[in-house]
Amino acid sequence: MAWKNKPSNFALDVLKTADDHLKKIVGETLQQVVVRSPVMDGEFRASHKVTLDSPDNTYKKDFDDSGAATLSEGLKVAASAKFGGLVYIQSNSPYGIRLEHGYSQQAPNGVYALSFQYVCEKYK
């Protein structure tokens, strides 16, 4: 009897599956963050970024009312994520902490915490 898939390929298959799952979760978390972000002038939506292995503490004022460009850029970075590595989804907006603590009527319960809770519950 021959193996359909060699046992030696099992670890590679598991790793690929884990990488794909990680990318899916990062993408979904970023999407939740962007969608839950108060629109205001689009500045906060544009402030979300994805980085691998270390955070990026810079802030560049930009605008993205729909969040589509922010999501697209973050997904490009997430596409290189590997299981076991660190992935950061962050905003360095000067008023991001206030928004997370209910400052906006558009997001009275914050953005990041709710996004994290949603994704955790979904993949429990």
N, C-alpha and C. Protein backbone atom coordinates (compact mmCIF):
# COMPACT_ATOMS: atom_id res chain seq x y z
N MET A 1 0.85 -1.17 0.00
CA MET A 1 0.00 0.00 0.00
C MET A 1 0.89 1.24 0.00
N ALA A 2 0.61 2.17 -0.87
CA ALA A 2 1.41 3.39 -0.96
C ALA A 2 0.71 4.53 -0.20
N TRP A 3 1.54 5.42 0.31
CA TRP A 3 1.02 6.60 1.00
C TRP A 3 0.52 7.60 -0.03
N LYS A 4 -0.64 8.14 0.21
CA LYS A 4 -1.15 9.21 -0.64
C LYS A 4 -0.30 10.47 -0.42
N ASN A 5 -0.07 10.78 0.82
CA ASN A 5 0.83 11.88 1.21
C ASN A 5 1.91 11.29 2.10
N LYS A 6 3.13 11.57 1.78
CA LYS A 6 4.24 11.04 2.58
C LYS A 6 4.17 11.55 4.02
N PRO A 7 4.42 10.69 4.98
CA PRO A 7 4.44 11.14 6.38
C PRO A 7 5.44 12.27 6.61
N SER A 8 6.51 12.29 5.84
CA SER A 8 7.51 13.35 6.02
C SER A 8 6.96 14.72 5.61
N ASN A 9 5.89 14.75 4.83
CA ASN A 9 5.28 16.01 4.43
C ASN A 9 4.25 16.51 5.43
N PHE A 10 3.93 15.66 6.43
CA PHE A 10 2.91 16.02 7.39
C PHE A 10 3.23 17.33 8.11
N ALA A 11 4.44 17.47 8.59
CA ALA A 11 4.82 18.69 9.32
C ALA A 11 4.69 19.92 8.42
N LEU A 12 5.06 19.78 7.17
CA LEU A 12 4.94 20.91 6.24
C LEU A 12 3.48 21.28 6.00
N ASP A 13 2.63 20.27 5.91
CA ASP A 13 1.20 20.52 5.74
C ASP A 13 0.62 21.23 6.97
N VAL A 14 1.01 20.78 8.15
CA VAL A 14 0.52 21.39 9.38
C VAL A 14 0.99 22.85 9.46
N LEU A 15 2.24 23.10 9.14
CA LEU A 15 2.78 24.46 9.18
C LEU A 15 2.06 25.38 8.19
N LYS A 16 1.81 24.89 6.99
CA LYS A 16 1.10 25.69 5.98
C LYS A 16 -0.31 26.00 6.46
N THR A 17 -0.97 25.02 7.04
CA THR A 17 -2.32 25.23 7.56
C THR A 17 -2.30 26.27 8.68
N ALA A 18 -1.30 26.19 9.56
CA ALA A 18 -1.18 27.15 10.65
C ALA A 18 -0.92 28.56 10.11
N ASP A 19 -0.03 28.67 9.12
CA ASP A 19 0.24 29.98 8.49
C ASP A 19 -1.03 30.56 7.89
N ASP A 20 -1.77 29.75 7.17
CA ASP A 20 -3.01 30.21 6.54
C ASP A 20 -4.04 30.65 7.58
N HIS A 21 -4.14 29.89 8.66
CA HIS A 21 -5.09 30.24 9.72
C HIS A 21 -4.68 31.56 10.39
N LEU A 22 -3.40 31.74 10.64
CA LEU A 22 -2.90 32.98 11.21
C LEU A 22 -3.25 34.17 10.32
N LYS A 23 -3.01 34.05 9.04
CA LYS A 23 -3.30 35.14 8.10
C LYS A 23 -4.79 35.45 8.08
N LYS A 24 -5.62 34.43 8.17
CA LYS A 24 -7.07 34.62 8.18
C LYS A 24 -7.49 35.39 9.43
N ILE A 25 -6.94 35.01 10.58
CA ILE A 25 -7.29 35.68 11.84
C ILE A 25 -6.79 37.12 11.85
N VAL A 26 -5.58 37.35 11.37
CA VAL A 26 -5.06 38.72 11.30
C VAL A 26 -5.95 39.57 10.39
N GLY A 27 -6.29 39.03 9.24
CA GLY A 27 -7.14 39.76 8.30
C GLY A 27 -8.50 40.09 8.90
N GLU A 28 -9.09 39.12 9.57
CA GLU A 28 -10.40 39.35 10.17
C GLU A 28 -10.32 40.34 11.32
N THR A 29 -9.26 40.27 12.11
CA THR A 29 -9.10 41.22 13.22
C THR A 29 -8.92 42.62 12.68
N LEU A 30 -8.08 42.78 11.67
CA LEU A 30 -7.88 44.10 11.08
C LEU A 30 -9.18 44.63 10.50
N GLN A 31 -9.93 43.78 9.83
CA GLN A 31 -11.21 44.21 9.26
C GLN A 31 -12.15 44.69 10.36
N GLN A 32 -12.21 43.97 11.46
CA GLN A 32 -13.06 44.38 12.58
C GLN A 32 -12.62 45.73 13.14
N VAL A 33 -11.31 45.92 13.28
CA VAL A 33 -10.79 47.19 13.80
C VAL A 33 -11.18 48.34 12.87
N VAL A 34 -10.99 48.15 11.59
CA VAL A 34 -11.28 49.21 10.62
C VAL A 34 -12.78 49.52 10.61
N VAL A 35 -13.61 48.49 10.56
CA VAL A 35 -15.06 48.69 10.49
C VAL A 35 -15.59 49.34 11.77
N ARG A 36 -15.04 48.99 12.90
CA ARG A 36 -15.51 49.55 14.17
C ARG A 36 -14.96 50.95 14.44
N SER A 37 -14.00 51.40 13.66
CA SER A 37 -13.39 52.71 13.88
C SER A 37 -14.35 53.84 13.54
N PRO A 38 -14.44 54.83 14.42
CA PRO A 38 -15.26 55.99 14.10
C PRO A 38 -14.74 56.65 12.82
N VAL A 39 -15.67 57.07 11.98
CA VAL A 39 -15.28 57.64 10.69
C VAL A 39 -14.67 59.02 10.87
N MET A 40 -15.34 59.91 11.58
CA MET A 40 -14.88 61.30 11.76
C MET A 40 -14.40 61.82 10.42
N ASP A 41 -13.13 62.11 10.28
CA ASP A 41 -12.61 62.59 8.99
C ASP A 41 -11.81 61.51 8.27
N GLY A 42 -11.88 60.28 8.72
CA GLY A 42 -11.16 59.18 8.11
C GLY A 42 -9.74 59.03 8.60
N GLU A 43 -9.32 59.94 9.48
CA GLU A 43 -7.94 59.89 9.96
C GLU A 43 -7.69 58.69 10.86
N PHE A 44 -8.62 58.39 11.76
CA PHE A 44 -8.40 57.25 12.64
C PHE A 44 -8.41 55.94 11.86
N ARG A 45 -9.32 55.80 10.92
CA ARG A 45 -9.35 54.58 10.10
C ARG A 45 -8.04 54.38 9.36
N ALA A 46 -7.44 55.45 8.92
CA ALA A 46 -6.18 55.36 8.18
C ALA A 46 -4.98 55.08 9.08
N SER A 47 -5.16 55.21 10.39
CA SER A 47 -4.02 55.08 11.30
C SER A 47 -3.67 53.64 11.67
N HIS A 48 -4.54 52.68 11.35
CA HIS A 48 -4.28 51.29 11.72
C HIS A 48 -3.22 50.69 10.80
N LYS A 49 -2.30 49.98 11.40
CA LYS A 49 -1.26 49.34 10.59
C LYS A 49 -0.93 47.97 11.13
N VAL A 50 -0.44 47.14 10.23
CA VAL A 50 -0.01 45.78 10.57
C VAL A 50 1.49 45.73 10.37
N THR A 51 2.19 45.21 11.35
CA THR A 51 3.63 45.00 11.23
C THR A 51 3.96 43.60 11.73
N LEU A 52 5.07 43.09 11.28
CA LEU A 52 5.53 41.76 11.69
C LEU A 52 6.77 41.88 12.55
N ASP A 53 6.81 41.10 13.60
CA ASP A 53 7.95 40.93 14.50
C ASP A 53 8.21 42.08 15.46
N SER A 54 7.88 43.33 15.10
CA SER A 54 8.04 44.44 16.03
C SER A 54 7.04 45.54 15.69
N PRO A 55 6.63 46.31 16.70
CA PRO A 55 5.69 47.38 16.42
C PRO A 55 6.37 48.53 15.69
N ASP A 56 5.58 49.33 15.03
CA ASP A 56 6.06 50.54 14.37
C ASP A 56 5.41 51.70 15.10
N ASN A 57 6.19 52.47 15.82
CA ASN A 57 5.65 53.52 16.67
C ASN A 57 5.56 54.88 15.99
N THR A 58 5.70 54.90 14.69
CA THR A 58 5.58 56.17 13.97
C THR A 58 4.11 56.49 13.70
N TYR A 59 3.83 57.74 13.47
CA TYR A 59 2.48 58.16 13.11
C TYR A 59 2.56 59.12 11.94
N LYS A 60 1.84 58.78 10.90
CA LYS A 60 1.75 59.63 9.71
C LYS A 60 0.28 59.94 9.50
N LYS A 61 -0.06 61.21 9.54
CA LYS A 61 -1.46 61.59 9.35
C LYS A 61 -1.87 61.30 7.92
N ASP A 62 -2.95 60.55 7.80
CA ASP A 62 -3.47 60.15 6.50
C ASP A 62 -4.98 60.08 6.61
N PHE A 63 -5.68 59.85 5.51
CA PHE A 63 -7.12 59.80 5.51
C PHE A 63 -7.61 58.61 4.69
N ASP A 64 -8.62 57.92 5.22
CA ASP A 64 -9.20 56.77 4.54
C ASP A 64 -10.62 56.57 5.08
N ASP A 65 -11.57 57.33 4.54
CA ASP A 65 -12.96 57.27 5.03
C ASP A 65 -13.55 55.87 5.01
N SER A 66 -13.33 55.15 3.93
CA SER A 66 -13.94 53.82 3.81
C SER A 66 -13.15 52.75 4.56
N GLY A 67 -11.87 52.96 4.73
CA GLY A 67 -11.01 51.96 5.37
C GLY A 67 -10.45 50.94 4.39
N ALA A 68 -10.86 51.02 3.13
CA ALA A 68 -10.45 50.02 2.13
C ALA A 68 -8.94 50.02 1.90
N ALA A 69 -8.35 51.20 1.80
CA ALA A 69 -6.90 51.27 1.57
C ALA A 69 -6.13 50.76 2.78
N THR A 70 -6.61 51.09 3.96
CA THR A 70 -5.95 50.63 5.19
C THR A 70 -6.02 49.11 5.29
N LEU A 71 -7.18 48.56 4.99
CA LEU A 71 -7.34 47.10 5.02
C LEU A 71 -6.45 46.43 3.98
N SER A 72 -6.43 46.96 2.79
CA SER A 72 -5.62 46.40 1.71
C SER A 72 -4.13 46.40 2.06
N GLU A 73 -3.66 47.52 2.58
CA GLU A 73 -2.24 47.62 2.96
C GLU A 73 -1.90 46.66 4.09
N GLY A 74 -2.79 46.55 5.07
CA GLY A 74 -2.55 45.63 6.18
C GLY A 74 -2.55 44.17 5.74
N LEU A 75 -3.45 43.83 4.81
CA LEU A 75 -3.50 42.45 4.31
C LEU A 75 -2.25 42.08 3.53
N LYS A 76 -1.66 43.04 2.84
CA LYS A 76 -0.40 42.79 2.12
C LYS A 76 0.70 42.40 3.10
N VAL A 77 0.76 43.12 4.22
CA VAL A 77 1.77 42.80 5.24
C VAL A 77 1.45 41.45 5.87
N ALA A 78 0.18 41.22 6.20
CA ALA A 78 -0.23 39.96 6.84
C ALA A 78 0.06 38.75 5.96
N ALA A 79 0.08 38.94 4.66
CA ALA A 79 0.35 37.83 3.75
C ALA A 79 1.72 37.21 3.98
N SER A 80 2.63 37.95 4.62
CA SER A 80 3.97 37.42 4.91
C SER A 80 4.09 36.84 6.31
N ALA A 81 3.02 36.88 7.07
CA ALA A 81 3.05 36.38 8.45
C ALA A 81 3.29 34.88 8.47
N LYS A 82 4.05 34.45 9.44
CA LYS A 82 4.36 33.03 9.62
C LYS A 82 3.99 32.61 11.04
N PHE A 83 3.47 31.41 11.14
CA PHE A 83 3.13 30.86 12.44
C PHE A 83 4.35 30.90 13.35
N GLY A 84 4.16 31.39 14.57
CA GLY A 84 5.25 31.50 15.52
C GLY A 84 5.85 32.89 15.58
N GLY A 85 5.57 33.70 14.56
CA GLY A 85 6.05 35.08 14.55
C GLY A 85 5.06 35.99 15.25
N LEU A 86 5.47 37.21 15.47
CA LEU A 86 4.59 38.20 16.09
C LEU A 86 3.94 39.06 15.02
N VAL A 87 2.67 39.33 15.19
CA VAL A 87 1.94 40.22 14.29
C VAL A 87 1.32 41.31 15.15
N TYR A 88 1.57 42.55 14.79
CA TYR A 88 1.02 43.69 15.51
C TYR A 88 -0.03 44.37 14.65
N ILE A 89 -1.18 44.65 15.23
CA ILE A 89 -2.19 45.51 14.63
C ILE A 89 -2.32 46.67 15.60
N GLN A 90 -2.01 47.85 15.13
CA GLN A 90 -1.94 48.97 16.05
C GLN A 90 -2.33 50.27 15.38
N SER A 91 -2.60 51.25 16.22
CA SER A 91 -2.81 52.62 15.79
C SER A 91 -1.97 53.51 16.69
N ASN A 92 -1.28 54.45 16.09
CA ASN A 92 -0.51 55.41 16.87
C ASN A 92 -1.16 56.79 16.82
N SER A 93 -2.45 56.79 16.50
CA SER A 93 -3.19 58.04 16.46
C SER A 93 -3.11 58.73 17.82
N PRO A 94 -2.90 60.03 17.84
CA PRO A 94 -2.81 60.75 19.12
C PRO A 94 -4.06 60.62 19.98
N TYR A 95 -5.20 60.39 19.37
CA TYR A 95 -6.42 60.26 20.17
C TYR A 95 -6.95 58.83 20.19
N GLY A 96 -6.16 57.88 19.78
CA GLY A 96 -6.58 56.48 19.75
C GLY A 96 -6.95 55.93 21.12
N ILE A 97 -6.21 56.27 22.13
CA ILE A 97 -6.49 55.76 23.49
C ILE A 97 -7.82 56.31 23.98
N ARG A 98 -8.08 57.58 23.72
CA ARG A 98 -9.37 58.16 24.13
C ARG A 98 -10.52 57.45 23.42
N LEU A 99 -10.35 57.17 22.12
CA LEU A 99 -11.40 56.47 21.38
C LEU A 99 -11.62 55.07 21.93
N GLU A 100 -10.54 54.42 22.32
CA GLU A 100 -10.66 53.06 22.86
C GLU A 100 -11.42 53.06 24.19
N HIS A 101 -11.39 54.17 24.87
CA HIS A 101 -12.08 54.28 26.16
C HIS A 101 -13.43 54.99 26.06
N GLY A 102 -14.03 54.97 24.87
CA GLY A 102 -15.40 55.44 24.74
C GLY A 102 -15.61 56.91 24.44
N TYR A 103 -14.59 57.60 24.00
CA TYR A 103 -14.68 59.04 23.74
C TYR A 103 -15.65 59.36 22.61
N SER A 104 -15.80 58.48 21.65
CA SER A 104 -16.64 58.72 20.48
C SER A 104 -18.01 58.08 20.64
N GLN A 105 -19.05 58.80 20.25
CA GLN A 105 -20.39 58.21 20.26
C GLN A 105 -20.52 57.14 19.19
N GLN A 106 -19.66 57.20 18.17
CA GLN A 106 -19.68 56.19 17.10
C GLN A 106 -19.07 54.87 17.57
N ALA A 107 -18.25 54.93 18.58
CA ALA A 107 -17.62 53.72 19.13
C ALA A 107 -17.58 53.84 20.65
N PRO A 108 -18.74 53.86 21.30
CA PRO A 108 -18.76 54.09 22.75
C PRO A 108 -18.09 53.00 23.58
N ASN A 109 -17.91 51.82 22.99
CA ASN A 109 -17.26 50.73 23.72
C ASN A 109 -15.88 50.41 23.18
N GLY A 110 -15.30 51.35 22.45
CA GLY A 110 -13.96 51.17 21.93
C GLY A 110 -13.93 50.45 20.60
N VAL A 111 -12.74 50.10 20.18
CA VAL A 111 -12.52 49.49 18.87
C VAL A 111 -11.71 48.20 18.99
N TYR A 112 -10.52 48.30 19.53
CA TYR A 112 -9.61 47.17 19.57
C TYR A 112 -10.10 46.05 20.49
N ALA A 113 -10.56 46.41 21.67
CA ALA A 113 -11.00 45.37 22.61
C ALA A 113 -12.18 44.59 22.05
N LEU A 114 -13.14 45.29 21.46
CA LEU A 114 -14.30 44.60 20.89
C LEU A 114 -13.91 43.73 19.70
N SER A 115 -13.00 44.23 18.89
CA SER A 115 -12.53 43.44 17.74
C SER A 115 -11.84 42.17 18.21
N PHE A 116 -10.99 42.30 19.21
CA PHE A 116 -10.29 41.15 19.77
C PHE A 116 -11.28 40.14 20.36
N GLN A 117 -12.25 40.63 21.13
CA GLN A 117 -13.25 39.74 21.72
C GLN A 117 -14.05 39.01 20.64
N TYR A 118 -14.43 39.72 19.60
CA TYR A 118 -15.20 39.12 18.52
C TYR A 118 -14.43 37.96 17.87
N VAL A 119 -13.19 38.22 17.52
CA VAL A 119 -12.38 37.21 16.84
C VAL A 119 -12.08 36.04 17.78
N CYS A 120 -11.82 36.31 19.03
CA CYS A 120 -11.58 35.23 20.00
C CYS A 120 -12.80 34.33 20.12
N GLU A 121 -13.96 34.92 20.22
CA GLU A 121 -15.19 34.12 20.33
C GLU A 121 -15.44 33.32 19.05
N LYS A 122 -15.19 33.92 17.92
CA LYS A 122 -15.43 33.24 16.65
C LYS A 122 -14.54 32.01 16.48
N TYR A 123 -13.31 32.09 16.91
CA TYR A 123 -12.35 31.00 16.72
C TYR A 123 -12.09 30.20 17.98
N LYS A 124 -12.97 30.26 18.92
CA LYS A 124 -12.85 29.54 20.19
C LYS A 124 -12.85 28.05 19.96
